Amino acid sequence: MKKRKLELAVISDVHLGTYGCHADELIAYLNSIDPKKLILNGDIIDIWQFSKRYFPASHLKVLKKLIGMAAKGTEVIYITGNHDEMLRKFADTTMGNVTITNKLVLNLDGKKAWIFHGDVFDISIQNAKWLAKLGGYGYDMLILLNRSANWFLKGMGKEKYSLSKRIKNSVKSAVKYINNFEKTAGDLAIENGYDYVVCGHIHQPKKERYENKIGRCTYLNSGDWVENLTALEYSFKRWKVYYYSQDKLSPFFVDDDVKEMDINQLIASITSAQAEKTKKEKEPIAGADDDILDDQGFPQDGDGV
């Protein structure tokens, strides 16, 4: 099947290495698109809960797929989140088509998009990280329990049920936190002159026009690949929230290119592509006089210009 071409795709909160991660479904989605830019907006690898005892082959396949997309020309930008905060020491590092950063500003058809994970708004992370990590473990166990319950519901011919969504929607403090998060992001974006503000972190996919007394912007959240299985897509000057549950992607589950390569081969393909790119950039300009080229292979000012 033909892949959908996109200007930009944004995914976040994949949480590889946890029981709640839907790696196979994410692989199917990634196989179905051909984006110029792929933004990984935080919490892709859950380093907080990383364990050698649990990192299935399907989770490793996601990493292979991401590196493979970069090797084939997609610009992959990894924005760090709180669960993968260890990567922040590598911020502003680029290897081939893969870049690691803490935040990003893009110009999209004349409009500015401010993209970051969103954990900077979370007081519990800033002031009591141990409490936030404990909550992360609790959330993972809740998702595991929910999967078992849904297995029984499916066997009985009933619809799936989300315990975590029910809890979030029924607890007033959780609803208030989400509303405050969205308001803070929108206010800061307007104050700094951004047209779009793109976040993750709270696992609540959304596209919404936000206004205050100063101005207006579009608030976007990519959701997650634990409960909602969602992404953001930008193409033809428009944003949309993609829902995996509303798509039929079974033909995209098989990816022979990724299946046949190991992780070392994929990394080697990226580094070799970068080396070839650097070599071409340093090649002298055809037909130029070698005596009047500077150290970078460009003509110097003078008779050769």
Protein backbone atom coordinates (compact mmCIF):
# COMPACT_ATOMS: atom_id res chain seq x y z
CA MET A 1 0.00 0.00 0.00
CA LYS A 2 1.11 3.55 -0.73
CA LYS A 3 2.49 5.54 2.19
CA ARG A 4 1.00 8.91 3.09
CA LYS A 5 3.43 11.76 2.47
CA LEU A 6 3.52 14.32 5.30
CA GLU A 7 5.43 17.51 5.94
CA LEU A 8 5.64 16.72 9.62
CA ALA A 9 4.58 14.00 12.06
CA VAL A 10 4.78 14.27 15.84
CA ILE A 11 4.61 11.38 18.30
CA SER A 12 5.26 11.40 22.02
CA ASP A 13 4.90 9.34 25.17
CA VAL A 14 5.62 5.97 23.59
CA HIS A 15 7.20 4.67 26.83
CA LEU A 16 9.29 1.89 25.29
CA GLY A 17 10.30 -0.53 28.01
CA THR A 18 6.96 -0.49 29.85
CA TYR A 19 4.02 -2.88 29.76
CA GLY A 20 1.65 -0.22 28.47
CA CYS A 21 3.55 0.53 25.26
CA HIS A 22 1.76 -0.44 22.02
CA ALA A 23 4.88 -1.03 19.95
CA ASP A 24 3.32 -3.13 17.19
CA GLU A 25 0.63 -0.55 16.53
CA LEU A 26 3.25 2.21 16.42
CA ILE A 27 5.31 0.21 13.91
CA ALA A 28 2.21 -0.13 11.72
CA TYR A 29 1.65 3.64 11.87
CA LEU A 30 5.29 4.48 11.08
CA ASN A 31 5.19 2.07 8.15
CA SER A 32 2.15 3.88 6.76
CA ILE A 33 3.70 7.37 6.54
CA ASP A 34 6.54 9.08 4.70
CA PRO A 35 7.22 12.35 6.58
CA LYS A 36 9.89 14.90 5.72
CA LYS A 37 10.30 15.50 9.46
CA LEU A 38 9.48 13.15 12.32
CA ILE A 39 9.45 14.75 15.76
CA LEU A 40 9.73 12.47 18.78
CA ASN A 41 8.35 14.78 21.45
CA GLY A 42 9.62 13.17 24.65
CA ASP A 43 9.17 10.00 26.71
CA ILE A 44 9.92 7.74 23.76
CA ILE A 45 12.16 5.47 25.85
CA ASP A 46 11.06 5.17 29.48
CA ILE A 47 14.46 5.34 31.17
CA TRP A 48 12.81 5.89 34.57
CA GLN A 49 11.34 2.38 34.47
CA PHE A 50 13.92 0.73 32.22
CA SER A 51 14.65 -2.89 33.13
CA LYS A 52 16.83 -5.50 31.44
CA ARG A 53 14.10 -8.01 32.26
CA TYR A 54 11.53 -6.28 30.07
CA PHE A 55 12.39 -4.86 26.66
CA PRO A 56 10.54 -6.98 24.08
CA ALA A 57 11.66 -7.47 20.49
CA SER A 58 8.76 -5.30 19.31
CA HIS A 59 10.12 -2.38 21.37
CA LEU A 60 13.57 -2.80 19.84
CA LYS A 61 11.92 -2.93 16.42
CA VAL A 62 10.50 0.57 17.02
CA LEU A 63 14.02 1.89 17.58
CA LYS A 64 15.20 0.10 14.45
CA LYS A 65 12.35 1.60 12.46
CA LEU A 66 13.10 5.15 13.66
CA ILE A 67 16.78 4.82 12.78
CA GLY A 68 15.86 3.22 9.46
CA MET A 69 13.59 6.17 8.59
CA ALA A 70 16.47 8.56 9.33
CA ALA A 71 18.81 6.51 7.15
CA LYS A 72 16.33 6.80 4.26
CA GLY A 73 16.16 10.59 4.45
CA THR A 74 13.57 11.52 7.07
CA GLU A 75 14.82 14.20 9.46
CA VAL A 76 14.26 12.75 12.94
CA ILE A 77 14.25 15.23 15.84
CA TYR A 78 14.24 13.75 19.34
CA ILE A 79 12.96 16.24 21.93
CA THR A 80 13.70 15.05 25.44
CA GLY A 81 11.02 14.51 28.09
CA ASN A 82 11.06 13.70 31.80
CA HIS A 83 11.09 9.89 31.40
CA ASP A 84 14.08 10.14 29.04
CA GLU A 85 15.71 13.15 30.72
CA MET A 86 19.09 11.38 30.77
CA LEU A 87 19.34 12.26 27.08
CA ARG A 88 19.33 15.98 27.90
CA LYS A 89 23.09 15.91 28.37
CA PHE A 90 23.28 15.11 24.64
CA ALA A 91 21.12 18.11 23.65
CA ASP A 92 22.11 19.77 20.36
CA THR A 93 23.86 16.59 19.20
CA THR A 94 23.37 15.56 15.55
CA MET A 95 24.24 12.23 13.96
CA GLY A 96 23.25 11.98 10.33
CA ASN A 97 19.55 12.83 10.13
CA VAL A 98 18.97 12.40 13.88
CA THR A 99 19.09 15.39 16.24
CA ILE A 100 18.57 15.48 20.01
CA THR A 101 17.28 18.71 21.55
CA ASN A 102 15.22 19.99 24.48
CA LYS A 103 12.85 22.23 22.52
CA LEU A 104 12.27 23.27 18.95
CA VAL A 105 10.92 26.24 16.98
CA LEU A 106 9.86 25.62 13.39
CA ASN A 107 8.63 27.93 10.65
CA LEU A 108 5.63 26.25 9.04
CA ASP A 109 4.36 28.11 5.99
CA GLY A 110 5.07 31.49 7.57
CA LYS A 111 3.80 30.57 11.05
CA LYS A 112 5.92 29.77 14.10
CA ALA A 113 5.50 26.48 15.95
CA TRP A 114 6.91 26.07 19.48
CA ILE A 115 7.45 22.38 20.24
CA PHE A 116 8.50 20.88 23.60
CA HIS A 117 7.50 17.94 25.78
CA GLY A 118 5.74 19.87 28.56
CA ASP A 119 7.17 18.46 31.80
CA VAL A 120 8.54 21.93 32.65
CA PHE A 121 5.01 22.80 33.79
CA ASP A 122 4.84 19.84 36.19
CA ILE A 123 5.53 20.96 39.76
CA SER A 124 5.71 17.37 41.05
CA ILE A 125 8.61 16.66 38.69
CA GLN A 126 10.44 19.86 39.53
CA ASN A 127 10.09 19.60 43.31
CA ALA A 128 9.50 15.92 44.12
CA LYS A 129 10.89 13.76 41.35
CA TRP A 130 10.71 10.61 43.49
CA LEU A 131 6.94 11.11 43.78
CA ALA A 132 6.60 11.52 40.02
CA LYS A 133 8.62 8.33 39.43
CA LEU A 134 6.45 6.44 41.94
CA GLY A 135 3.39 7.66 40.07
CA GLY A 136 4.92 6.40 36.84
CA TYR A 137 5.29 2.88 38.26
CA GLY A 138 1.73 3.00 39.56
CA TYR A 139 0.44 4.10 36.16
CA ASP A 140 2.29 1.25 34.45
CA MET A 141 0.77 -1.29 36.82
CA LEU A 142 -2.69 0.20 36.24
CA ILE A 143 -2.23 -0.18 32.49
CA LEU A 144 -1.12 -3.81 32.94
CA LEU A 145 -4.20 -4.50 35.09
CA ASN A 146 -6.38 -2.76 32.50
CA ARG A 147 -4.98 -4.98 29.72
CA SER A 148 -5.93 -8.10 31.67
CA ALA A 149 -9.43 -6.75 32.26
CA ASN A 150 -9.86 -5.88 28.58
CA TRP A 151 -8.75 -9.37 27.60
CA PHE A 152 -11.69 -10.78 29.58
CA LEU A 153 -14.06 -8.13 28.19
CA LYS A 154 -13.04 -8.97 24.63
CA GLY A 155 -13.65 -12.66 25.32
CA MET A 156 -17.15 -11.77 26.50
CA GLY A 157 -17.80 -9.73 23.37
CA LYS A 158 -17.80 -6.40 25.19
CA GLU A 159 -16.00 -3.14 24.41
CA LYS A 160 -12.65 -2.23 25.94
CA TYR A 161 -12.59 -0.04 29.03
CA SER A 162 -9.92 2.45 30.15
CA LEU A 163 -9.44 2.57 33.92
CA SER A 164 -6.89 5.37 33.78
CA LYS A 165 -9.14 7.56 31.60
CA ARG A 166 -12.04 6.99 33.98
CA ILE A 167 -9.88 7.97 36.95
CA LYS A 168 -8.51 11.07 35.20
CA ASN A 169 -11.97 12.24 34.17
CA SER A 170 -13.52 11.64 37.58
CA VAL A 171 -10.81 13.13 39.80
CA LYS A 172 -11.26 16.91 39.92
CA SER A 173 -7.60 17.61 40.66
CA ALA A 174 -6.54 15.65 37.55
CA VAL A 175 -9.01 17.54 35.36
CA LYS A 176 -7.84 20.84 36.86
CA TYR A 177 -4.19 19.93 36.23
CA ILE A 178 -4.85 19.21 32.56
CA ASN A 179 -6.81 22.45 32.12
CA ASN A 180 -4.03 24.44 33.84
CA PHE A 181 -1.40 22.75 31.66
CA GLU A 182 -3.20 23.69 28.45
CA LYS A 183 -3.86 27.25 29.63
CA THR A 184 -0.23 27.80 30.67
CA ALA A 185 1.07 26.49 27.34
CA GLY A 186 -1.36 28.68 25.41
CA ASP A 187 -0.63 31.83 27.42
CA LEU A 188 3.14 31.44 27.04
CA ALA A 189 2.85 30.78 23.31
CA ILE A 190 0.77 33.93 22.77
CA GLU A 191 3.08 35.99 24.97
CA ASN A 192 6.09 34.91 22.89
CA GLY A 193 4.43 35.34 19.51
CA TYR A 194 4.01 31.69 18.51
CA ASP A 195 1.15 30.59 16.28
CA TYR A 196 1.28 26.96 17.40
CA VAL A 197 2.29 25.34 20.67
CA VAL A 198 2.89 21.57 20.44
CA CYS A 199 3.23 19.43 23.59
CA GLY A 200 2.97 15.88 24.88
CA HIS A 201 3.40 14.74 28.51
CA ILE A 202 -0.23 14.68 29.72
CA HIS A 203 -1.41 11.89 27.38
CA GLN A 204 -4.38 13.97 26.21
CA PRO A 205 -4.53 14.37 22.40
CA LYS A 206 -6.01 17.68 21.37
CA LYS A 207 -6.18 20.37 18.71
CA GLU A 208 -7.83 23.52 19.98
CA ARG A 209 -7.92 27.23 19.27
CA TYR A 210 -6.88 29.11 22.40
CA GLU A 211 -7.48 32.81 23.07
CA ASN A 212 -6.76 35.27 25.87
CA LYS A 213 -6.82 39.08 26.17
CA ILE A 214 -3.49 39.40 24.33
CA GLY A 215 -4.10 37.20 21.29
CA ARG A 216 -4.67 33.66 20.12
CA CYS A 217 -2.82 30.51 19.07
CA THR A 218 -3.47 26.85 18.32
CA TYR A 219 -2.76 24.41 21.14
CA LEU A 220 -1.82 20.88 20.03
CA ASN A 221 -1.03 17.75 22.01
CA SER A 222 0.19 14.52 20.40
CA GLY A 223 -1.34 12.31 23.11
CA ASP A 224 0.44 8.98 23.62
CA TRP A 225 0.98 5.39 22.47
CA VAL A 226 -0.09 3.81 25.74
CA GLU A 227 -3.83 4.56 25.92
CA ASN A 228 -4.90 6.80 23.05
CA LEU A 229 -2.50 5.69 20.27
CA THR A 230 -2.40 9.10 18.64
CA ALA A 231 -0.07 11.41 16.70
CA LEU A 232 -0.08 14.89 15.21
CA GLU A 233 0.29 15.38 11.47
CA TYR A 234 0.97 18.57 9.50
CA SER A 235 0.46 18.76 5.77
CA PHE A 236 -1.01 21.25 3.27
CA LYS A 237 -0.84 23.98 5.92
CA ARG A 238 -3.13 22.08 8.27
CA TRP A 239 -2.73 20.17 11.52
CA LYS A 240 -4.76 17.11 12.44
CA VAL A 241 -4.84 14.63 15.30
CA TYR A 242 -4.35 11.09 14.01
CA TYR A 243 -6.17 8.28 15.86
CA TYR A 244 -4.91 4.75 15.28
CA SER A 245 -8.29 3.34 16.36
CA GLN A 246 -9.92 5.08 13.39
CA ASP A 247 -7.49 3.68 10.81
CA LYS A 248 -7.00 0.25 9.28
CA LEU A 249 -3.27 -0.41 9.17
CA SER A 250 -2.90 -4.20 9.22
CA PRO A 251 -1.11 -4.24 5.81
CA PHE A 252 1.65 -2.12 7.33
CA PHE A 253 2.61 -4.47 10.17
CA VAL A 254 5.29 -6.25 8.13
CA ASP A 255 8.45 -4.23 7.45
CA ASP A 256 10.99 -6.40 5.65
CA ASP A 257 13.68 -3.71 5.61
CA VAL A 258 13.68 -3.42 9.37
CA LYS A 259 13.24 -7.15 9.95
CA GLU A 260 16.34 -8.01 7.93
CA MET A 261 18.69 -5.48 9.56
CA ASP A 262 20.09 -5.46 13.06
CA ILE A 263 20.54 -2.28 15.11
CA ASN A 264 24.30 -2.05 14.40
CA GLN A 265 23.70 -2.14 10.64
CA LEU A 266 21.13 0.65 10.91
CA ILE A 267 23.45 2.87 12.95
CA ALA A 268 26.27 2.14 10.49
CA SER A 269 24.04 3.19 7.59
CA ILE A 270 23.38 6.55 9.26
CA THR A 271 27.04 7.28 10.02
CA SER A 272 28.14 6.26 6.53
CA ALA A 273 25.47 8.51 5.00
CA GLN A 274 26.71 11.40 7.13
CA ALA A 275 30.33 10.72 6.11
CA GLU A 276 29.35 10.69 2.42
CA LYS A 277 27.45 13.97 2.88
CA THR A 278 30.46 15.60 4.56
CA LYS A 279 32.78 14.33 1.81
CA LYS A 280 30.60 15.85 -0.92
CA GLU A 281 30.47 19.20 0.89
CA LYS A 282 34.29 19.33 0.95
CA GLU A 283 34.78 18.43 -2.72
CA PRO A 284 36.23 21.32 -4.82
CA ILE A 285 33.90 23.09 -7.19
CA ALA A 286 34.16 21.62 -10.68
CA GLY A 287 36.13 23.80 -13.10
CA ALA A 288 37.54 26.10 -10.42
CA ASP A 289 41.26 26.92 -10.33
CA ASP A 290 42.87 25.04 -7.42
CA ASP A 291 45.32 27.91 -6.82
CA ILE A 292 42.53 30.30 -5.87
CA LEU A 293 40.36 28.06 -3.69
CA ASP A 294 40.18 28.61 0.05
CA ASP A 295 40.50 25.87 2.69
CA GLN A 296 36.82 24.90 2.32
CA GLY A 297 37.01 24.44 -1.44
CA PHE A 298 35.33 27.74 -2.39
CA PRO A 299 36.81 30.40 -4.71
CA GLN A 300 38.61 33.21 -2.90
CA ASP A 301 37.90 36.87 -3.60
CA GLY A 302 40.01 38.08 -6.51
CA ASP A 303 40.63 36.99 -10.07
CA GLY A 304 38.88 33.65 -9.62
CA VAL A 305 35.48 35.13 -8.68
